[in-house]
Amino acid sequence: MRFPYKAEAIETGYWMPGDDYLEIIAEALEGRIGDRDLLAISEKALSTAKGRMINESQVKPGILAKFLARFWVRIVWGYFLGRICRLKNVNIYRLCNYPLDEGSAHKQVALWNASFPQALLWGSEGGIDASNLPYSYVSLPLDNPEETAEEIRQYLWDRLGNRVAVMIVDTDKTYSRGGLHITHRPKPLKGIRSFFGVVGYVLGRTLGMRRRSTPLAIAGSGIDVGLALDLAEEANRRRGSGAGLTVWDMAQTFGVSVTGVTWAMLKSLRHRPIVILRPETRSE
């Protein structure tokens, strides 16, 4: 079936903590959107602008967090689960050499802010993300993505006079087979089942289920979950991965350690946190 939307990624500067994301979005879209357009916006950019971040260099890990970093990630993921889940060889190598100090602090943050089943993931535990952030910072997921999506939709109507729909998207994957959609990510869009953290991830990867980026909330549209998943994946493809898909990729991009990336380095890259998804039937 032909994809019924045209996608356009919108470039902005890097969103910093405390930035007025509503005005940034409005300025970037003024004169470029029309009624019935759907906007896909990166959760990571919104979380960063909202200051939902933790500096893991200030975290003291406990015994369980150290166990997860040293044994669970290095051994279980590095030698067993990574291969079962068909991870790339380069990522398996990275897991076998998982940094113990930084990794233990990260696992402690996951235990505090997500759950034990989420902490058993090798990365993106509970939507916690370290990619495209500097130093030892990680971002936390949005508390209420539905509320944020509606806030943006209403602001664009008040500011620009356009009746658009707004979808907040995370790069973490949803795995689909037929009408069943599961994800390890907490609080996905209605119709997607959040499936016990690591269990959903392992099932989706080992069973070879269809992988698409995860829509978290939609305001202003009643599209079904299947189309929402297609749109989320298309938006993610158009947006690109910034400095890299993982913290290791990001460090490699800049030629520094995993905690050596700076704000200035991130600002030097092109960022496309917004994607306009326009129905092909809409007149220009």
Protein backbone atom coordinates (compact mmCIF):
# COMPACT_ATOMS: atom_id res chain seq x y z
CA MET A 1 0.00 0.00 0.00
CA ARG A 2 1.30 3.44 -0.94
CA PHE A 3 2.32 5.65 2.00
CA PRO A 4 -0.40 8.37 2.15
CA TYR A 5 1.76 11.12 3.68
CA LYS A 6 4.63 13.29 2.54
CA ALA A 7 7.31 13.93 5.15
CA GLU A 8 9.51 17.00 5.63
CA ALA A 9 12.12 17.22 8.38
CA ILE A 10 12.51 20.70 9.91
CA GLU A 11 15.94 21.79 11.06
CA THR A 12 16.37 23.88 14.20
CA GLY A 13 19.21 24.59 16.58
CA TYR A 14 20.00 22.16 19.36
CA TRP A 15 17.39 22.46 22.12
CA MET A 16 19.00 23.40 25.42
CA PRO A 17 17.57 23.01 28.94
CA GLY A 18 15.20 25.87 29.65
CA ASP A 19 14.56 26.71 25.99
CA ASP A 20 11.07 27.90 25.08
CA TYR A 21 10.24 24.86 22.97
CA LEU A 22 6.76 26.16 22.13
CA GLU A 23 8.14 29.30 20.52
CA ILE A 24 10.98 27.39 18.84
CA ILE A 25 8.44 25.06 17.25
CA ALA A 26 6.16 27.92 16.19
CA GLU A 27 9.01 29.93 14.64
CA ALA A 28 10.30 26.89 12.77
CA LEU A 29 6.87 26.07 11.35
CA GLU A 30 5.48 29.52 10.56
CA GLY A 31 4.44 29.60 6.91
CA ARG A 32 5.30 25.93 6.44
CA ILE A 33 2.29 24.10 7.85
CA GLY A 34 -1.38 23.91 6.99
CA ASP A 35 -4.55 22.48 8.46
CA ARG A 36 -4.59 18.67 8.73
CA ASP A 37 -0.79 18.39 8.84
CA LEU A 38 0.55 16.09 11.54
CA LEU A 39 3.71 17.08 13.38
CA ALA A 40 6.00 14.41 14.77
CA ILE A 41 8.21 15.82 17.52
CA SER A 42 11.13 14.13 19.23
CA GLU A 43 10.56 13.26 22.87
CA LYS A 44 14.32 13.60 23.49
CA ALA A 45 14.31 17.24 22.34
CA LEU A 46 11.29 18.02 24.51
CA SER A 47 12.75 16.27 27.57
CA THR A 48 16.00 18.21 27.14
CA ALA A 49 14.22 21.56 26.80
CA LYS A 50 12.12 20.76 29.87
CA GLY A 51 15.30 20.01 31.84
CA ARG A 52 14.33 16.41 32.51
CA MET A 53 17.92 15.28 32.89
CA ILE A 54 20.19 13.66 35.43
CA ASN A 55 23.97 14.05 35.71
CA GLU A 56 25.08 10.47 36.32
CA SER A 57 28.56 11.58 37.40
CA GLN A 58 26.92 12.63 40.68
CA VAL A 59 25.24 9.26 41.24
CA LYS A 60 26.63 6.72 43.70
CA PRO A 61 25.63 3.23 42.54
CA GLY A 62 24.56 0.49 44.91
CA ILE A 63 25.42 -3.20 44.93
CA LEU A 64 22.58 -4.20 42.58
CA ALA A 65 23.52 -1.54 40.03
CA LYS A 66 27.16 -2.69 40.09
CA PHE A 67 26.02 -6.30 39.62
CA LEU A 68 23.91 -5.32 36.61
CA ALA A 69 26.82 -3.49 34.99
CA ARG A 70 29.51 -6.08 35.69
CA PHE A 71 27.61 -9.35 35.27
CA TRP A 72 24.25 -8.75 33.61
CA VAL A 73 25.37 -6.42 30.83
CA ARG A 74 28.92 -7.69 30.28
CA ILE A 75 28.17 -11.41 30.55
CA VAL A 76 24.47 -12.08 30.00
CA TRP A 77 23.97 -9.43 27.29
CA GLY A 78 27.49 -9.61 25.89
CA TYR A 79 27.62 -13.38 25.46
CA PHE A 80 24.02 -14.58 25.37
CA LEU A 81 21.12 -12.15 25.02
CA GLY A 82 22.95 -9.87 22.58
CA ARG A 83 23.36 -12.75 20.16
CA ILE A 84 19.85 -14.08 20.71
CA CYS A 85 18.48 -10.60 19.98
CA ARG A 86 20.64 -10.33 16.83
CA LEU A 87 22.51 -7.23 17.89
CA LYS A 88 25.28 -6.02 15.62
CA ASN A 89 28.72 -7.41 16.38
CA VAL A 90 30.02 -3.95 17.21
CA ASN A 91 27.32 -3.52 19.86
CA ILE A 92 27.99 -6.97 21.31
CA TYR A 93 31.66 -6.02 21.61
CA ARG A 94 30.66 -2.80 23.38
CA LEU A 95 28.47 -4.71 25.83
CA CYS A 96 31.25 -7.18 26.60
CA ASN A 97 33.36 -4.14 27.50
CA TYR A 98 30.60 -2.16 29.21
CA PRO A 99 32.20 0.65 31.30
CA LEU A 100 31.84 -0.35 34.92
CA ASP A 101 31.91 3.02 36.68
CA GLU A 102 29.70 4.93 34.23
CA GLY A 103 27.55 1.84 33.58
CA SER A 104 26.92 1.22 37.29
CA ALA A 105 25.78 4.82 37.76
CA HIS A 106 23.52 4.49 34.73
CA LYS A 107 21.96 1.31 36.07
CA GLN A 108 21.35 3.02 39.41
CA VAL A 109 19.47 5.80 37.62
CA ALA A 110 17.42 3.15 35.82
CA LEU A 111 16.56 1.43 39.09
CA TRP A 112 15.52 4.75 40.64
CA ASN A 113 13.53 6.13 37.73
CA ALA A 114 12.20 3.09 35.87
CA SER A 115 11.91 -0.43 37.32
CA PHE A 116 13.92 -3.60 37.78
CA PRO A 117 12.59 -5.22 34.54
CA GLN A 118 13.54 -2.03 32.69
CA ALA A 119 17.01 -1.97 34.28
CA LEU A 120 17.61 -5.43 32.79
CA LEU A 121 17.69 -3.88 29.31
CA TRP A 122 21.14 -3.13 27.90
CA GLY A 123 20.13 0.46 27.12
CA SER A 124 17.23 2.92 26.95
CA GLU A 125 15.89 1.57 30.22
CA GLY A 126 12.39 2.93 30.72
CA GLY A 127 12.98 5.56 28.04
CA ILE A 128 16.12 6.90 29.77
CA ASP A 129 18.51 8.00 27.03
CA ALA A 130 22.15 9.12 26.97
CA SER A 131 22.59 9.66 23.23
CA ASN A 132 22.86 13.22 21.90
CA LEU A 133 23.52 14.59 25.38
CA PRO A 134 26.86 15.82 26.74
CA TYR A 135 29.13 14.60 29.50
CA SER A 136 27.34 12.17 31.85
CA TYR A 137 23.83 13.52 31.31
CA VAL A 138 20.86 11.32 30.49
CA SER A 139 17.32 12.39 29.71
CA LEU A 140 14.23 11.06 31.44
CA PRO A 141 11.02 10.37 29.54
CA LEU A 142 8.17 12.86 29.65
CA ASP A 143 5.85 12.53 32.63
CA ASN A 144 2.74 13.20 30.56
CA PRO A 145 3.30 13.11 26.77
CA GLU A 146 -0.44 13.53 26.11
CA GLU A 147 -0.47 16.81 27.98
CA THR A 148 2.63 18.06 26.16
CA ALA A 149 1.22 17.12 22.75
CA GLU A 150 -2.00 19.00 23.48
CA GLU A 151 -0.05 22.00 24.79
CA ILE A 152 1.88 22.21 21.51
CA ARG A 153 -1.23 21.72 19.37
CA GLN A 154 -3.09 24.49 21.20
CA TYR A 155 -0.10 26.85 21.07
CA LEU A 156 0.23 26.47 17.31
CA TRP A 157 -3.49 27.19 16.87
CA ASP A 158 -3.27 30.30 19.04
CA ARG A 159 0.05 31.50 17.60
CA LEU A 160 -0.21 30.52 13.92
CA GLY A 161 -3.90 29.78 13.37
CA ASN A 162 -3.25 26.28 12.01
CA ARG A 163 -5.28 23.26 13.08
CA VAL A 164 -2.64 20.55 13.17
CA ALA A 165 -2.22 17.27 14.97
CA VAL A 166 0.82 16.66 17.16
CA MET A 167 2.49 13.31 17.78
CA ILE A 168 5.34 12.80 20.23
CA VAL A 169 7.71 10.04 19.13
CA ASP A 170 10.47 8.02 20.74
CA THR A 171 13.11 6.12 18.76
CA ASP A 172 12.66 3.06 21.00
CA LYS A 173 10.98 0.38 18.96
CA THR A 174 7.54 -1.15 18.98
CA TYR A 175 7.37 -4.72 17.68
CA SER A 176 4.33 -5.76 15.65
CA ARG A 177 2.82 -8.93 14.31
CA GLY A 178 -0.66 -8.68 12.86
CA GLY A 179 -2.71 -6.57 15.24
CA LEU A 180 -0.39 -7.16 18.20
CA HIS A 181 1.96 -4.29 19.06
CA ILE A 182 4.36 -4.63 22.01
CA THR A 183 7.20 -2.47 23.31
CA HIS A 184 9.63 -2.35 26.20
CA ARG A 185 8.99 1.39 26.42
CA PRO A 186 6.63 2.53 29.26
CA LYS A 187 3.56 4.66 28.51
CA PRO A 188 3.22 4.19 24.75
CA LEU A 189 0.26 5.26 22.65
CA LYS A 190 -3.01 3.50 23.43
CA GLY A 191 -3.15 0.27 21.43
CA ILE A 192 0.52 -0.54 22.06
CA ARG A 193 1.24 -2.83 24.98
CA SER A 194 4.16 -2.06 27.27
CA PHE A 195 5.43 -5.57 27.90
CA PHE A 196 7.55 -6.06 31.03
CA GLY A 197 10.60 -4.13 29.94
CA VAL A 198 13.31 -6.56 28.88
CA VAL A 199 10.74 -9.27 28.05
CA GLY A 200 9.09 -7.18 25.33
CA TYR A 201 12.45 -6.29 23.82
CA VAL A 202 13.75 -9.87 23.75
CA LEU A 203 10.50 -11.26 22.34
CA GLY A 204 10.28 -8.62 19.64
CA ARG A 205 13.89 -9.11 18.55
CA THR A 206 14.07 -12.90 18.73
CA LEU A 207 10.73 -13.46 16.97
CA GLY A 208 11.71 -11.10 14.16
CA MET A 209 8.65 -8.92 14.62
CA ARG A 210 8.27 -5.75 12.57
CA ARG A 211 10.13 -2.86 14.21
CA ARG A 212 8.95 0.75 14.18
CA SER A 213 9.56 3.82 16.32
CA THR A 214 7.10 4.28 19.16
CA PRO A 215 4.42 6.99 19.18
CA LEU A 216 3.76 8.09 22.75
CA ALA A 217 0.82 10.46 22.33
CA ILE A 218 -1.27 12.13 19.63
CA ALA A 219 -3.32 15.31 20.06
CA GLY A 220 -5.78 16.51 17.44
CA SER A 221 -6.16 13.30 15.42
CA GLY A 222 -7.86 9.95 15.76
CA ILE A 223 -5.61 7.91 13.44
CA ASP A 224 -5.33 4.22 14.24
CA VAL A 225 -2.31 2.74 15.93
CA GLY A 226 -1.00 1.01 12.81
CA LEU A 227 -0.83 4.25 10.84
CA ALA A 228 0.63 6.05 13.86
CA LEU A 229 3.46 3.51 13.96
CA ASP A 230 4.12 3.95 10.24
CA LEU A 231 4.23 7.72 10.65
CA ALA A 232 6.48 7.51 13.71
CA GLU A 233 8.96 5.34 11.82
CA GLU A 234 8.91 7.58 8.75
CA ALA A 235 9.49 10.63 10.95
CA ASN A 236 12.41 8.92 12.66
CA ARG A 237 13.93 7.99 9.30
CA ARG A 238 13.66 11.56 8.01
CA ARG A 239 14.96 13.10 11.22
CA GLY A 240 18.15 11.04 11.35
CA SER A 241 20.16 10.08 14.42
CA GLY A 242 22.00 13.29 15.25
CA ALA A 243 25.41 12.40 16.66
CA GLY A 244 24.58 8.68 16.70
CA LEU A 245 22.10 6.03 17.74
CA THR A 246 23.97 5.12 20.92
CA VAL A 247 26.28 6.88 23.35
CA TRP A 248 29.16 4.90 21.81
CA ASP A 249 28.25 6.10 18.31
CA MET A 250 28.06 9.67 19.61
CA ALA A 251 31.50 9.43 21.20
CA GLN A 252 32.90 7.94 17.99
CA THR A 253 31.42 10.77 15.93
CA PHE A 254 33.39 13.33 17.92
CA GLY A 255 36.43 11.18 18.65
CA VAL A 256 36.11 11.46 22.44
CA SER A 257 35.25 9.23 25.39
CA VAL A 258 31.64 8.38 26.19
CA THR A 259 31.56 11.22 28.72
CA GLY A 260 33.70 13.64 26.69
CA VAL A 261 31.00 15.10 24.43
CA THR A 262 30.30 18.79 25.10
CA TRP A 263 27.33 21.08 24.52
CA ALA A 264 29.35 22.89 21.84
CA MET A 265 29.96 19.65 19.95
CA LEU A 266 26.26 18.84 19.91
CA LYS A 267 25.35 22.36 18.82
CA SER A 268 27.68 22.02 15.83
CA LEU A 269 25.53 19.28 14.28
CA ARG A 270 22.33 19.58 12.27
CA HIS A 271 19.22 18.85 14.33
CA ARG A 272 15.80 17.98 12.95
CA PRO A 273 13.54 17.43 15.98
CA ILE A 274 10.33 18.17 14.02
CA VAL A 275 8.91 16.36 11.02
CA ILE A 276 5.86 17.59 9.10
CA LEU A 277 3.70 14.70 7.88
CA ARG A 278 1.32 16.04 5.24
CA PRO A 279 -1.58 14.01 3.82
CA GLU A 280 -1.11 13.72 0.07
CA THR A 281 -4.72 14.68 -0.49
CA ARG A 282 -4.24 18.09 1.17
CA SER A 283 -4.06 20.95 -1.29
CA GLU A 284 -1.01 23.23 -0.99
